[in-house]
Amino acid sequence: MIFGSAIMVDDKGGLTSEDSVKNDATHPDYEYRMASLSMSSSDVVAVTSCGVSRHKFDVEPLKRGDYTHHIEMFEKSISLSRYIKANIDMNSVSDRLYCITNKDGMMMAVSPPAIQVSIREITDGDKPNIYCGEFYFDDENEKREYPFKQGDNTLSISLNLDSESFSRIFERFSGGDNFIDLGICFPAYASWLDSMAGVWPTTYVIKPKNDDENFVMLTRVSSSKSPSEKHAKSDPEPDEIDIFSDDDDKVELKDLDASIKSIGDSLSTNLRVGKQMVTYLTVISICLVLLTIKVFI
């Protein structure tokens, strides 16, 4: 395993960390062989580019003139190209990946902070034997003659698909897919101990010595809806219901209030009648007492 930006040296036809070189070792830490990698992304776009005209740069110096004068500096150049671009989710990369940069005369293994993939549609005339592409490591330590942009160690992967296969994937993105999954193979230096122990993930170091070793085989490409969308709730949570907002409820409450009022009035009437009855009984009782006294006297 490579920790940080490790210094690498050539060793027995492969690569080994500078501090791990052993003369009695039978294998380098990283042997040259075919690597297999999978990756995915939900940050993907399908682009259609249409060319209309081309500016002739070998014409006379620009002079003021009308449309007829200026159109002579252009020629029709109708072209149509389609491609798919994706910024790979680094957490989805199946194995650890490093690229070689040269710093102060030493080879250093640097983990790219980002991977960008571009899939291009090719015509039948350009169709390769199998679908393939190439790498480009935007080395921040590379000295450039025209340093318009400083390198940022991004790893770019350019891939090709024939028109039939490309159209099927492209149309899926046009129909709403926004998730891409890729499988690629490429020559790289792979950890010898990991391959012997069957440990996953394996560490790969990309170091093409020439253009013939800079190639990528596209083994699989698929599109789908983003996993986050698949698991999203289909129906929103229902809003809280205001029990006082419905007209029927208002009617029921009104009736209930009227019933309570009616019961109160009835109780009040009964209480008044009861008081009157008590008064009558009291008067009758007093009259009976007086009558009894008068009889005995």
C-alpha atoms as a PDB file:
ATOM      1  CA  MET A   1       0.000   0.000   0.000  1.00  0.00           C
ATOM      2  CA  ILE A   2       1.203   3.496  -0.827  1.00  0.00           C
ATOM      3  CA  PHE A   3       1.004   6.104   1.902  1.00  0.00           C
ATOM      4  CA  GLY A   4       0.930   9.750   0.912  1.00  0.00           C
ATOM      5  CA  SER A   5       3.116  10.750  -2.039  1.00  0.00           C
ATOM      6  CA  ALA A   6       5.556   7.842  -2.010  1.00  0.00           C
ATOM      7  CA  ILE A   7       8.806   7.959  -3.985  1.00  0.00           C
ATOM      8  CA  MET A   8       8.950   5.057  -6.464  1.00  0.00           C
ATOM      9  CA  VAL A   9      11.959   3.484  -8.163  1.00  0.00           C
ATOM     10  CA  ASP A  10      12.354   0.961 -10.971  1.00  0.00           C
ATOM     11  CA  ASP A  11      12.870  -2.480  -9.500  1.00  0.00           C
ATOM     12  CA  LYS A  12      13.074  -5.871 -11.233  1.00  0.00           C
ATOM     13  CA  GLY A  13      10.905  -4.762 -14.160  1.00  0.00           C
ATOM     14  CA  GLY A  14       8.357  -3.140 -11.881  1.00  0.00           C
ATOM     15  CA  LEU A  15       8.096  -0.423  -9.261  1.00  0.00           C
ATOM     16  CA  THR A  16       8.893  -0.408  -5.557  1.00  0.00           C
ATOM     17  CA  SER A  17       8.748   2.242  -2.879  1.00  0.00           C
ATOM     18  CA  GLU A  18      12.199   3.709  -2.347  1.00  0.00           C
ATOM     19  CA  ASP A  19      12.303   2.642   1.296  1.00  0.00           C
ATOM     20  CA  SER A  20      11.166  -0.915   0.511  1.00  0.00           C
ATOM     21  CA  VAL A  21      13.780  -1.965  -2.060  1.00  0.00           C
ATOM     22  CA  LYS A  22      15.422  -5.266  -1.060  1.00  0.00           C
ATOM     23  CA  ASN A  23      18.178  -6.935  -3.075  1.00  0.00           C
ATOM     24  CA  ASP A  24      17.089 -10.409  -1.970  1.00  0.00           C
ATOM     25  CA  ALA A  25      13.442  -9.868  -2.947  1.00  0.00           C
ATOM     26  CA  THR A  26      12.178 -11.964  -5.863  1.00  0.00           C
ATOM     27  CA  HIS A  27       9.401  -9.551  -6.876  1.00  0.00           C
ATOM     28  CA  PRO A  28       8.943  -5.782  -6.964  1.00  0.00           C
ATOM     29  CA  ASP A  29       6.163  -4.318  -4.846  1.00  0.00           C
ATOM     30  CA  TYR A  30       4.202  -3.449  -8.007  1.00  0.00           C
ATOM     31  CA  GLU A  31       4.266  -5.700 -11.054  1.00  0.00           C
ATOM     32  CA  TYR A  32       3.197  -4.651 -14.543  1.00  0.00           C
ATOM     33  CA  ARG A  33      -0.041  -6.357 -15.543  1.00  0.00           C
ATOM     34  CA  MET A  34      -3.609  -5.733 -16.728  1.00  0.00           C
ATOM     35  CA  ALA A  35      -5.755  -3.939 -14.161  1.00  0.00           C
ATOM     36  CA  SER A  36      -9.536  -3.998 -13.845  1.00  0.00           C
ATOM     37  CA  LEU A  37     -11.483  -1.124 -12.333  1.00  0.00           C
ATOM     38  CA  SER A  38     -15.116  -0.115 -11.838  1.00  0.00           C
ATOM     39  CA  MET A  39     -16.504   3.325 -11.064  1.00  0.00           C
ATOM     40  CA  SER A  40     -19.760   5.256 -11.177  1.00  0.00           C
ATOM     41  CA  SER A  41     -21.190   8.763 -11.071  1.00  0.00           C
ATOM     42  CA  SER A  42     -24.455  10.663 -10.745  1.00  0.00           C
ATOM     43  CA  ASP A  43     -22.781  13.843 -12.021  1.00  0.00           C
ATOM     44  CA  VAL A  44     -23.183  13.047 -15.715  1.00  0.00           C
ATOM     45  CA  VAL A  45     -24.362  15.013 -18.751  1.00  0.00           C
ATOM     46  CA  ALA A  46     -25.098  14.114 -22.369  1.00  0.00           C
ATOM     47  CA  VAL A  47     -23.961  16.823 -24.788  1.00  0.00           C
ATOM     48  CA  THR A  48     -24.868  17.384 -28.429  1.00  0.00           C
ATOM     49  CA  SER A  49     -22.552  19.760 -30.311  1.00  0.00           C
ATOM     50  CA  CYS A  50     -23.414  21.135 -33.737  1.00  0.00           C
ATOM     51  CA  GLY A  51     -20.842  22.921 -35.896  1.00  0.00           C
ATOM     52  CA  VAL A  52     -22.216  25.439 -38.405  1.00  0.00           C
ATOM     53  CA  SER A  53     -19.365  27.394 -39.964  1.00  0.00           C
ATOM     54  CA  ARG A  54     -15.609  27.811 -39.887  1.00  0.00           C
ATOM     55  CA  HIS A  55     -13.636  31.042 -39.835  1.00  0.00           C
ATOM     56  CA  LYS A  56     -10.984  31.342 -42.518  1.00  0.00           C
ATOM     57  CA  PHE A  57      -7.873  32.623 -40.815  1.00  0.00           C
ATOM     58  CA  ASP A  58      -5.815  32.938 -44.010  1.00  0.00           C
ATOM     59  CA  VAL A  59      -7.829  35.821 -45.480  1.00  0.00           C
ATOM     60  CA  GLU A  60      -6.943  39.448 -45.873  1.00  0.00           C
ATOM     61  CA  PRO A  61      -6.777  41.650 -42.753  1.00  0.00           C
ATOM     62  CA  LEU A  62     -10.181  42.687 -41.516  1.00  0.00           C
ATOM     63  CA  LYS A  63     -11.618  45.776 -43.143  1.00  0.00           C
ATOM     64  CA  ARG A  64     -14.886  47.520 -42.536  1.00  0.00           C
ATOM     65  CA  GLY A  65     -17.618  46.275 -44.807  1.00  0.00           C
ATOM     66  CA  ASP A  66     -21.147  44.917 -45.081  1.00  0.00           C
ATOM     67  CA  TYR A  67     -22.510  41.403 -44.677  1.00  0.00           C
ATOM     68  CA  THR A  68     -21.474  40.412 -48.214  1.00  0.00           C
ATOM     69  CA  HIS A  69     -17.901  41.445 -47.468  1.00  0.00           C
ATOM     70  CA  HIS A  70     -17.595  39.678 -44.117  1.00  0.00           C
ATOM     71  CA  ILE A  71     -19.277  36.420 -45.109  1.00  0.00           C
ATOM     72  CA  GLU A  72     -16.321  35.770 -47.400  1.00  0.00           C
ATOM     73  CA  MET A  73     -14.244  35.141 -44.294  1.00  0.00           C
ATOM     74  CA  PHE A  74     -16.383  32.123 -43.346  1.00  0.00           C
ATOM     75  CA  GLU A  75     -17.271  28.839 -44.967  1.00  0.00           C
ATOM     76  CA  LYS A  76     -20.043  26.401 -44.176  1.00  0.00           C
ATOM     77  CA  SER A  77     -18.904  23.536 -41.949  1.00  0.00           C
ATOM     78  CA  ILE A  78     -21.916  21.501 -40.802  1.00  0.00           C
ATOM     79  CA  SER A  79     -21.000  18.817 -38.275  1.00  0.00           C
ATOM     80  CA  LEU A  80     -22.740  16.994 -35.436  1.00  0.00           C
ATOM     81  CA  SER A  81     -21.045  15.316 -32.503  1.00  0.00           C
ATOM     82  CA  ARG A  82     -22.344  13.783 -29.294  1.00  0.00           C
ATOM     83  CA  TYR A  83     -20.503  12.871 -26.144  1.00  0.00           C
ATOM     84  CA  ILE A  84     -21.128  11.973 -22.508  1.00  0.00           C
ATOM     85  CA  LYS A  85     -19.204  13.542 -19.642  1.00  0.00           C
ATOM     86  CA  ALA A  86     -19.061  12.368 -16.032  1.00  0.00           C
ATOM     87  CA  ASN A  87     -17.268  13.455 -12.873  1.00  0.00           C
ATOM     88  CA  ILE A  88     -16.611  10.178 -11.091  1.00  0.00           C
ATOM     89  CA  ASP A  89     -17.609   9.724  -7.468  1.00  0.00           C
ATOM     90  CA  MET A  90     -14.209   8.928  -5.918  1.00  0.00           C
ATOM     91  CA  ASN A  91     -15.876   6.769  -3.251  1.00  0.00           C
ATOM     92  CA  SER A  92     -17.213   4.516  -6.012  1.00  0.00           C
ATOM     93  CA  VAL A  93     -13.784   3.621  -7.439  1.00  0.00           C
ATOM     94  CA  SER A  94     -13.297  -0.059  -6.709  1.00  0.00           C
ATOM     95  CA  ASP A  95      -9.518   0.068  -6.154  1.00  0.00           C
ATOM     96  CA  ARG A  96      -6.874   2.540  -5.037  1.00  0.00           C
ATOM     97  CA  LEU A  97      -5.413   4.393  -7.966  1.00  0.00           C
ATOM     98  CA  TYR A  98      -2.169   6.367  -8.305  1.00  0.00           C
ATOM     99  CA  CYS A  99      -0.404   8.205 -11.108  1.00  0.00           C
ATOM    100  CA  ILE A 100       3.322   8.854 -11.503  1.00  0.00           C
ATOM    101  CA  THR A 101       4.584  12.413 -11.423  1.00  0.00           C
ATOM    102  CA  ASN A 102       8.205  13.557 -11.722  1.00  0.00           C
ATOM    103  CA  LYS A 103       9.310  15.967  -9.017  1.00  0.00           C
ATOM    104  CA  ASP A 104      12.932  17.010  -8.499  1.00  0.00           C
ATOM    105  CA  GLY A 105      14.060  14.124 -10.675  1.00  0.00           C
ATOM    106  CA  MET A 106      12.173  11.519  -8.661  1.00  0.00           C
ATOM    107  CA  MET A 107       9.090   9.438  -9.477  1.00  0.00           C
ATOM    108  CA  MET A 108       6.293  10.025  -7.024  1.00  0.00           C
ATOM    109  CA  ALA A 109       2.995   8.147  -6.796  1.00  0.00           C
ATOM    110  CA  VAL A 110       0.164  10.651  -6.430  1.00  0.00           C
ATOM    111  CA  SER A 111      -3.480   9.816  -5.877  1.00  0.00           C
ATOM    112  CA  PRO A 112      -5.618  11.879  -8.290  1.00  0.00           C
ATOM    113  CA  PRO A 113      -8.160  14.030  -6.398  1.00  0.00           C
ATOM    114  CA  ALA A 114     -10.680  13.754  -9.241  1.00  0.00           C
ATOM    115  CA  ILE A 115     -11.429  11.504 -12.224  1.00  0.00           C
ATOM    116  CA  GLN A 116     -13.245  12.779 -15.292  1.00  0.00           C
ATOM    117  CA  VAL A 117     -14.615  10.445 -17.964  1.00  0.00           C
ATOM    118  CA  SER A 118     -15.627  11.396 -21.488  1.00  0.00           C
ATOM    119  CA  ILE A 119     -17.335   8.926 -23.838  1.00  0.00           C
ATOM    120  CA  ARG A 120     -17.254   9.886 -27.506  1.00  0.00           C
ATOM    121  CA  GLU A 121     -19.363   8.606 -30.371  1.00  0.00           C
ATOM    122  CA  ILE A 122     -17.294   7.367 -33.307  1.00  0.00           C
ATOM    123  CA  THR A 123     -18.339   6.615 -36.858  1.00  0.00           C
ATOM    124  CA  ASP A 124     -18.184   3.151 -38.350  1.00  0.00           C
ATOM    125  CA  GLY A 125     -15.116   4.159 -40.333  1.00  0.00           C
ATOM    126  CA  ASP A 126     -13.232   4.863 -37.096  1.00  0.00           C
ATOM    127  CA  LYS A 127     -14.581   1.838 -35.273  1.00  0.00           C
ATOM    128  CA  PRO A 128     -11.793   0.033 -33.367  1.00  0.00           C
ATOM    129  CA  ASN A 129     -11.566  -3.715 -32.947  1.00  0.00           C
ATOM    130  CA  ILE A 130     -12.783  -3.301 -29.369  1.00  0.00           C
ATOM    131  CA  TYR A 131     -13.964  -0.195 -27.553  1.00  0.00           C
ATOM    132  CA  CYS A 132     -10.977   1.656 -26.137  1.00  0.00           C
ATOM    133  CA  GLY A 133      -9.596   5.036 -25.133  1.00  0.00           C
ATOM    134  CA  GLU A 134      -6.701   6.603 -23.244  1.00  0.00           C
ATOM    135  CA  PHE A 135      -5.586   8.339 -20.059  1.00  0.00           C
ATOM    136  CA  TYR A 136      -4.454  11.888 -19.488  1.00  0.00           C
ATOM    137  CA  PHE A 137      -2.913  12.874 -16.145  1.00  0.00           C
ATOM    138  CA  ASP A 138      -2.976  16.649 -15.626  1.00  0.00           C
ATOM    139  CA  ASP A 139       0.350  16.661 -13.795  1.00  0.00           C
ATOM    140  CA  GLU A 140       0.796  19.719 -11.584  1.00  0.00           C
ATOM    141  CA  ASN A 141       4.591  19.270 -11.751  1.00  0.00           C
ATOM    142  CA  GLU A 142       4.742  19.204 -15.553  1.00  0.00           C
ATOM    143  CA  LYS A 143       6.562  22.177 -17.055  1.00  0.00           C
ATOM    144  CA  ARG A 144       4.633  23.499 -20.024  1.00  0.00           C
ATOM    145  CA  GLU A 145       5.716  25.830 -22.754  1.00  0.00           C
ATOM    146  CA  TYR A 146       2.406  27.669 -22.625  1.00  0.00           C
ATOM    147  CA  PRO A 147       1.255  27.516 -18.976  1.00  0.00           C
ATOM    148  CA  PHE A 148      -2.259  28.824 -19.535  1.00  0.00           C
ATOM    149  CA  LYS A 149      -3.541  26.542 -16.816  1.00  0.00           C
ATOM    150  CA  GLN A 150      -1.690  24.954 -13.947  1.00  0.00           C
ATOM    151  CA  GLY A 151      -2.170  21.194 -13.649  1.00  0.00           C
ATOM    152  CA  ASP A 152      -4.295  19.913 -10.774  1.00  0.00           C
ATOM    153  CA  ASN A 153      -3.483  16.165 -10.880  1.00  0.00           C
ATOM    154  CA  THR A 154      -6.898  15.334 -12.325  1.00  0.00           C
ATOM    155  CA  LEU A 155      -7.047  12.032 -14.185  1.00  0.00           C
ATOM    156  CA  SER A 156      -9.046  12.186 -17.427  1.00  0.00           C
ATOM    157  CA  ILE A 157     -10.235   9.052 -19.208  1.00  0.00           C
ATOM    158  CA  SER A 158     -11.341   9.317 -22.821  1.00  0.00           C
ATOM    159  CA  LEU A 159     -13.420   6.409 -24.145  1.00  0.00           C
ATOM    160  CA  ASN A 160     -15.005   5.524 -27.488  1.00  0.00           C
ATOM    161  CA  LEU A 161     -18.271   3.814 -28.431  1.00  0.00           C
ATOM    162  CA  ASP A 162     -19.692   2.946 -31.829  1.00  0.00           C
ATOM    163  CA  SER A 163     -22.792   4.859 -32.957  1.00  0.00           C
ATOM    164  CA  GLU A 164     -25.295   2.078 -32.194  1.00  0.00           C
ATOM    165  CA  SER A 165     -24.095   1.437 -28.633  1.00  0.00           C
ATOM    166  CA  PHE A 166     -23.531   5.113 -27.941  1.00  0.00           C
ATOM    167  CA  SER A 167     -27.039   6.051 -29.121  1.00  0.00           C
ATOM    168  CA  ARG A 168     -28.661   3.611 -26.722  1.00  0.00           C
ATOM    169  CA  ILE A 169     -26.824   5.088 -23.724  1.00  0.00           C
ATOM    170  CA  PHE A 170     -27.258   8.667 -24.922  1.00  0.00           C
ATOM    171  CA  GLU A 171     -31.017   8.249 -25.359  1.00  0.00           C
ATOM    172  CA  ARG A 172     -31.334   6.838 -21.852  1.00  0.00           C
ATOM    173  CA  PHE A 173     -29.856  10.032 -20.446  1.00  0.00           C
ATOM    174  CA  SER A 174     -32.174  12.073 -22.650  1.00  0.00           C
ATOM    175  CA  GLY A 175     -35.046  10.037 -21.159  1.00  0.00           C
ATOM    176  CA  GLY A 176     -34.177  10.889 -17.564  1.00  0.00           C
ATOM    177  CA  ASP A 177     -31.303   8.613 -16.505  1.00  0.00           C
ATOM    178  CA  ASN A 178     -28.664  10.460 -14.489  1.00  0.00           C
ATOM    179  CA  PHE A 179     -26.408   7.683 -13.163  1.00  0.00           C
ATOM    180  CA  ILE A 180     -23.615   5.949 -15.075  1.00  0.00           C
ATOM    181  CA  ASP A 181     -21.617   2.848 -14.155  1.00  0.00           C
ATOM    182  CA  LEU A 182     -18.380   1.905 -15.938  1.00  0.00           C
ATOM    183  CA  GLY A 183     -15.993  -1.016 -16.110  1.00  0.00           C
ATOM    184  CA  ILE A 184     -12.521  -0.517 -17.613  1.00  0.00           C
ATOM    185  CA  CYS A 185      -9.272  -2.442 -18.053  1.00  0.00           C
ATOM    186  CA  PHE A 186      -5.817  -0.916 -18.554  1.00  0.00           C
ATOM    187  CA  PRO A 187      -2.118  -1.767 -18.122  1.00  0.00           C
ATOM    188  CA  ALA A 188      -0.715  -0.640 -14.777  1.00  0.00           C
ATOM    189  CA  TYR A 189       1.596  -1.603 -11.965  1.00  0.00           C
ATOM    190  CA  ALA A 190      -0.355  -3.663  -9.439  1.00  0.00           C
ATOM    191  CA  SER A 191       0.476  -4.602  -5.866  1.00  0.00           C
ATOM    192  CA  TRP A 192       2.131  -8.022  -5.869  1.00  0.00           C
ATOM    193  CA  LEU A 193       1.260  -8.784  -2.235  1.00  0.00           C
ATOM    194  CA  ASP A 194      -2.394  -7.836  -2.749  1.00  0.00           C
ATOM    195  CA  SER A 195      -2.673 -10.128  -5.769  1.00  0.00           C
ATOM    196  CA  MET A 196      -1.095 -13.027  -3.870  1.00  0.00           C
ATOM    197  CA  ALA A 197      -3.248 -12.543  -0.776  1.00  0.00           C
ATOM    198  CA  GLY A 198      -6.431 -11.772  -2.682  1.00  0.00           C
ATOM    199  CA  VAL A 199      -6.849  -8.557  -0.723  1.00  0.00           C
ATOM    200  CA  TRP A 200      -9.426  -6.054  -1.960  1.00  0.00           C
ATOM    201  CA  PRO A 201      -9.042  -3.292  -2.993  1.00  0.00           C
ATOM    202  CA  THR A 202      -5.768  -3.495  -4.887  1.00  0.00           C
ATOM    203  CA  THR A 203      -3.422  -0.565  -5.479  1.00  0.00           C
ATOM    204  CA  TYR A 204      -2.696   0.337  -9.112  1.00  0.00           C
ATOM    205  CA  VAL A 205      -0.006   2.719 -10.348  1.00  0.00           C
ATOM    206  CA  ILE A 206      -0.381   4.183 -13.840  1.00  0.00           C
ATOM    207  CA  LYS A 207       2.907   4.856 -15.605  1.00  0.00           C
ATOM    208  CA  PRO A 208       2.776   4.475 -19.405  1.00  0.00           C
ATOM    209  CA  LYS A 209       6.261   4.637 -20.878  1.00  0.00           C
ATOM    210  CA  ASN A 210       5.003   5.574 -24.322  1.00  0.00           C
ATOM    211  CA  ASP A 211       1.775   6.080 -26.275  1.00  0.00           C
ATOM    212  CA  ASP A 212       1.506   2.355 -27.035  1.00  0.00           C
ATOM    213  CA  GLU A 213       1.044   1.651 -23.324  1.00  0.00           C
ATOM    214  CA  ASN A 214      -1.495   4.413 -22.807  1.00  0.00           C
ATOM    215  CA  PHE A 215      -4.787   2.702 -23.561  1.00  0.00           C
ATOM    216  CA  VAL A 216      -8.028   1.825 -21.784  1.00  0.00           C
ATOM    217  CA  MET A 217     -10.417  -0.984 -22.659  1.00  0.00           C
ATOM    218  CA  LEU A 218     -14.076  -0.217 -21.994  1.00  0.00           C
ATOM    219  CA  THR A 219     -15.612  -3.491 -20.781  1.00  0.00           C
ATOM    220  CA  ARG A 220     -18.996  -2.271 -19.520  1.00  0.00           C
ATOM    221  CA  VAL A 221     -21.156   0.845 -19.463  1.00  0.00           C
ATOM    222  CA  SER A 222     -24.684   1.194 -18.116  1.00  0.00           C
ATOM    223  CA  SER A 223     -27.065   3.974 -17.138  1.00  0.00           C
ATOM    224  CA  SER A 224     -29.924   4.211 -14.671  1.00  0.00           C
ATOM    225  CA  LYS A 225     -31.778   6.536 -12.371  1.00  0.00           C
ATOM    226  CA  SER A 226     -29.717   7.885  -9.494  1.00  0.00           C
ATOM    227  CA  PRO A 227     -29.853   5.525  -6.465  1.00  0.00           C
ATOM    228  CA  SER A 228     -30.864   8.482  -4.278  1.00  0.00           C
ATOM    229  CA  GLU A 229     -33.906   9.069  -6.483  1.00  0.00           C
ATOM    230  CA  LYS A 230     -34.892   5.407  -6.403  1.00  0.00           C
ATOM    231  CA  HIS A 231     -35.111   5.456  -2.627  1.00  0.00           C
ATOM    232  CA  ALA A 232     -36.776   8.864  -2.359  1.00  0.00           C
ATOM    233  CA  LYS A 233     -40.299   8.896  -0.919  1.00  0.00           C
ATOM    234  CA  SER A 234     -42.859   8.751  -3.679  1.00  0.00           C
ATOM    235  CA  ASP A 235     -45.580  10.588  -1.713  1.00  0.00           C
ATOM    236  CA  PRO A 236     -44.978  13.588   0.540  1.00  0.00           C
ATOM    237  CA  GLU A 237     -45.949  13.456   4.178  1.00  0.00           C
ATOM    238  CA  PRO A 238     -49.629  14.487   4.570  1.00  0.00           C
ATOM    239  CA  ASP A 239     -50.191  17.945   5.981  1.00  0.00           C
ATOM    240  CA  GLU A 240     -51.698  18.307   9.418  1.00  0.00           C
ATOM    241  CA  ILE A 241     -55.485  18.604   9.239  1.00  0.00           C
ATOM    242  CA  ASP A 242     -57.135  21.618  10.889  1.00  0.00           C
ATOM    243  CA  ILE A 243     -60.293  20.220  12.479  1.00  0.00           C
ATOM    244  CA  PHE A 244     -61.794  23.709  12.609  1.00  0.00           C
ATOM    245  CA  SER A 245     -61.423  24.476   8.963  1.00  0.00           C
ATOM    246  CA  ASP A 246     -64.152  22.225   7.568  1.00  0.00           C
ATOM    247  CA  ASP A 247     -67.710  23.653   7.138  1.00  0.00           C
ATOM    248  CA  ASP A 248     -69.348  20.401   8.262  1.00  0.00           C
ATOM    249  CA  ASP A 249     -67.400  20.581  11.492  1.00  0.00           C
ATOM    250  CA  LYS A 250     -68.576  24.143  12.013  1.00  0.00           C
ATOM    251  CA  VAL A 251     -72.203  22.993  11.589  1.00  0.00           C
ATOM    252  CA  GLU A 252     -71.749  20.175  14.073  1.00  0.00           C
ATOM    253  CA  LEU A 253     -70.231  22.508  16.654  1.00  0.00           C
ATOM    254  CA  LYS A 254     -73.092  24.992  16.161  1.00  0.00           C
ATOM    255  CA  ASP A 255     -75.696  22.256  16.719  1.00  0.00           C
ATOM    256  CA  LEU A 256     -73.820  21.064  19.789  1.00  0.00           C
ATOM    257  CA  ASP A 257     -73.766  24.577  21.223  1.00  0.00           C
ATOM    258  CA  ALA A 258     -77.533  24.945  20.604  1.00  0.00           C
ATOM    259  CA  SER A 259     -78.208  21.636  22.356  1.00  0.00           C
ATOM    260  CA  ILE A 260     -76.160  22.668  25.378  1.00  0.00           C
ATOM    261  CA  LYS A 261     -78.017  25.987  25.537  1.00  0.00           C
ATOM    262  CA  SER A 262     -81.392  24.198  25.306  1.00  0.00           C
ATOM    263  CA  ILE A 263     -80.470  21.878  28.150  1.00  0.00           C
ATOM    264  CA  GLY A 264     -79.366  24.855  30.232  1.00  0.00           C
ATOM    265  CA  ASP A 265     -82.683  26.636  29.615  1.00  0.00           C
ATOM    266  CA  SER A 266     -84.636  23.500  30.521  1.00  0.00           C
ATOM    267  CA  LEU A 267     -82.722  23.086  33.774  1.00  0.00           C
ATOM    268  CA  SER A 268     -83.304  26.754  34.596  1.00  0.00           C
ATOM    269  CA  THR A 269     -87.049  26.370  33.975  1.00  0.00           C
ATOM    270  CA  ASN A 270     -87.258  23.234  36.114  1.00  0.00           C
ATOM    271  CA  LEU A 271     -85.374  24.950  38.889  1.00  0.00           C
ATOM    272  CA  ARG A 272     -87.822  27.904  38.827  1.00  0.00           C
ATOM    273  CA  VAL A 273     -90.848  25.578  38.882  1.00  0.00           C
ATOM    274  CA  GLY A 274     -89.314  23.663  41.761  1.00  0.00           C
ATOM    275  CA  LYS A 275     -88.861  26.827  43.760  1.00  0.00           C
ATOM    276  CA  GLN A 276     -92.520  27.770  43.149  1.00  0.00           C
ATOM    277  CA  MET A 277     -93.692  24.326  44.304  1.00  0.00           C
ATOM    278  CA  VAL A 278     -91.662  24.638  47.487  1.00  0.00           C
ATOM    279  CA  THR A 279     -93.223  28.040  48.157  1.00  0.00           C
ATOM    280  CA  TYR A 280     -96.762  26.681  47.630  1.00  0.00           C
ATOM    281  CA  LEU A 281     -96.138  23.754  49.943  1.00  0.00           C
ATOM    282  CA  THR A 282     -94.770  26.061  52.632  1.00  0.00           C
ATOM    283  CA  VAL A 283     -97.859  28.323  52.470  1.00  0.00           C
ATOM    284  CA  ILE A 284    -100.217  25.310  52.622  1.00  0.00           C
ATOM    285  CA  SER A 285     -98.327  23.901  55.611  1.00  0.00           C
ATOM    286  CA  ILE A 286     -98.633  27.201  57.512  1.00  0.00           C
ATOM    287  CA  CYS A 287    -102.396  27.377  56.765  1.00  0.00           C
ATOM    288  CA  LEU A 288    -102.904  23.833  58.032  1.00  0.00           C
ATOM    289  CA  VAL A 289    -101.085  24.618  61.263  1.00  0.00           C
ATOM    290  CA  LEU A 290    -103.203  27.724  61.884  1.00  0.00           C
ATOM    291  CA  LEU A 291    -106.410  25.825  61.129  1.00  0.00           C
ATOM    292  CA  THR A 292    -105.548  23.062  63.601  1.00  0.00           C
ATOM    293  CA  ILE A 293    -104.794  25.567  66.361  1.00  0.00           C
ATOM    294  CA  LYS A 294    -108.132  27.345  65.833  1.00  0.00           C
ATOM    295  CA  VAL A 295    -110.112  24.068  66.053  1.00  0.00           C
ATOM    296  CA  PHE A 296    -108.640  23.055  69.387  1.00  0.00           C
ATOM    297  CA  ILE A 297    -109.149  26.504  70.886  1.00  0.00           C
END
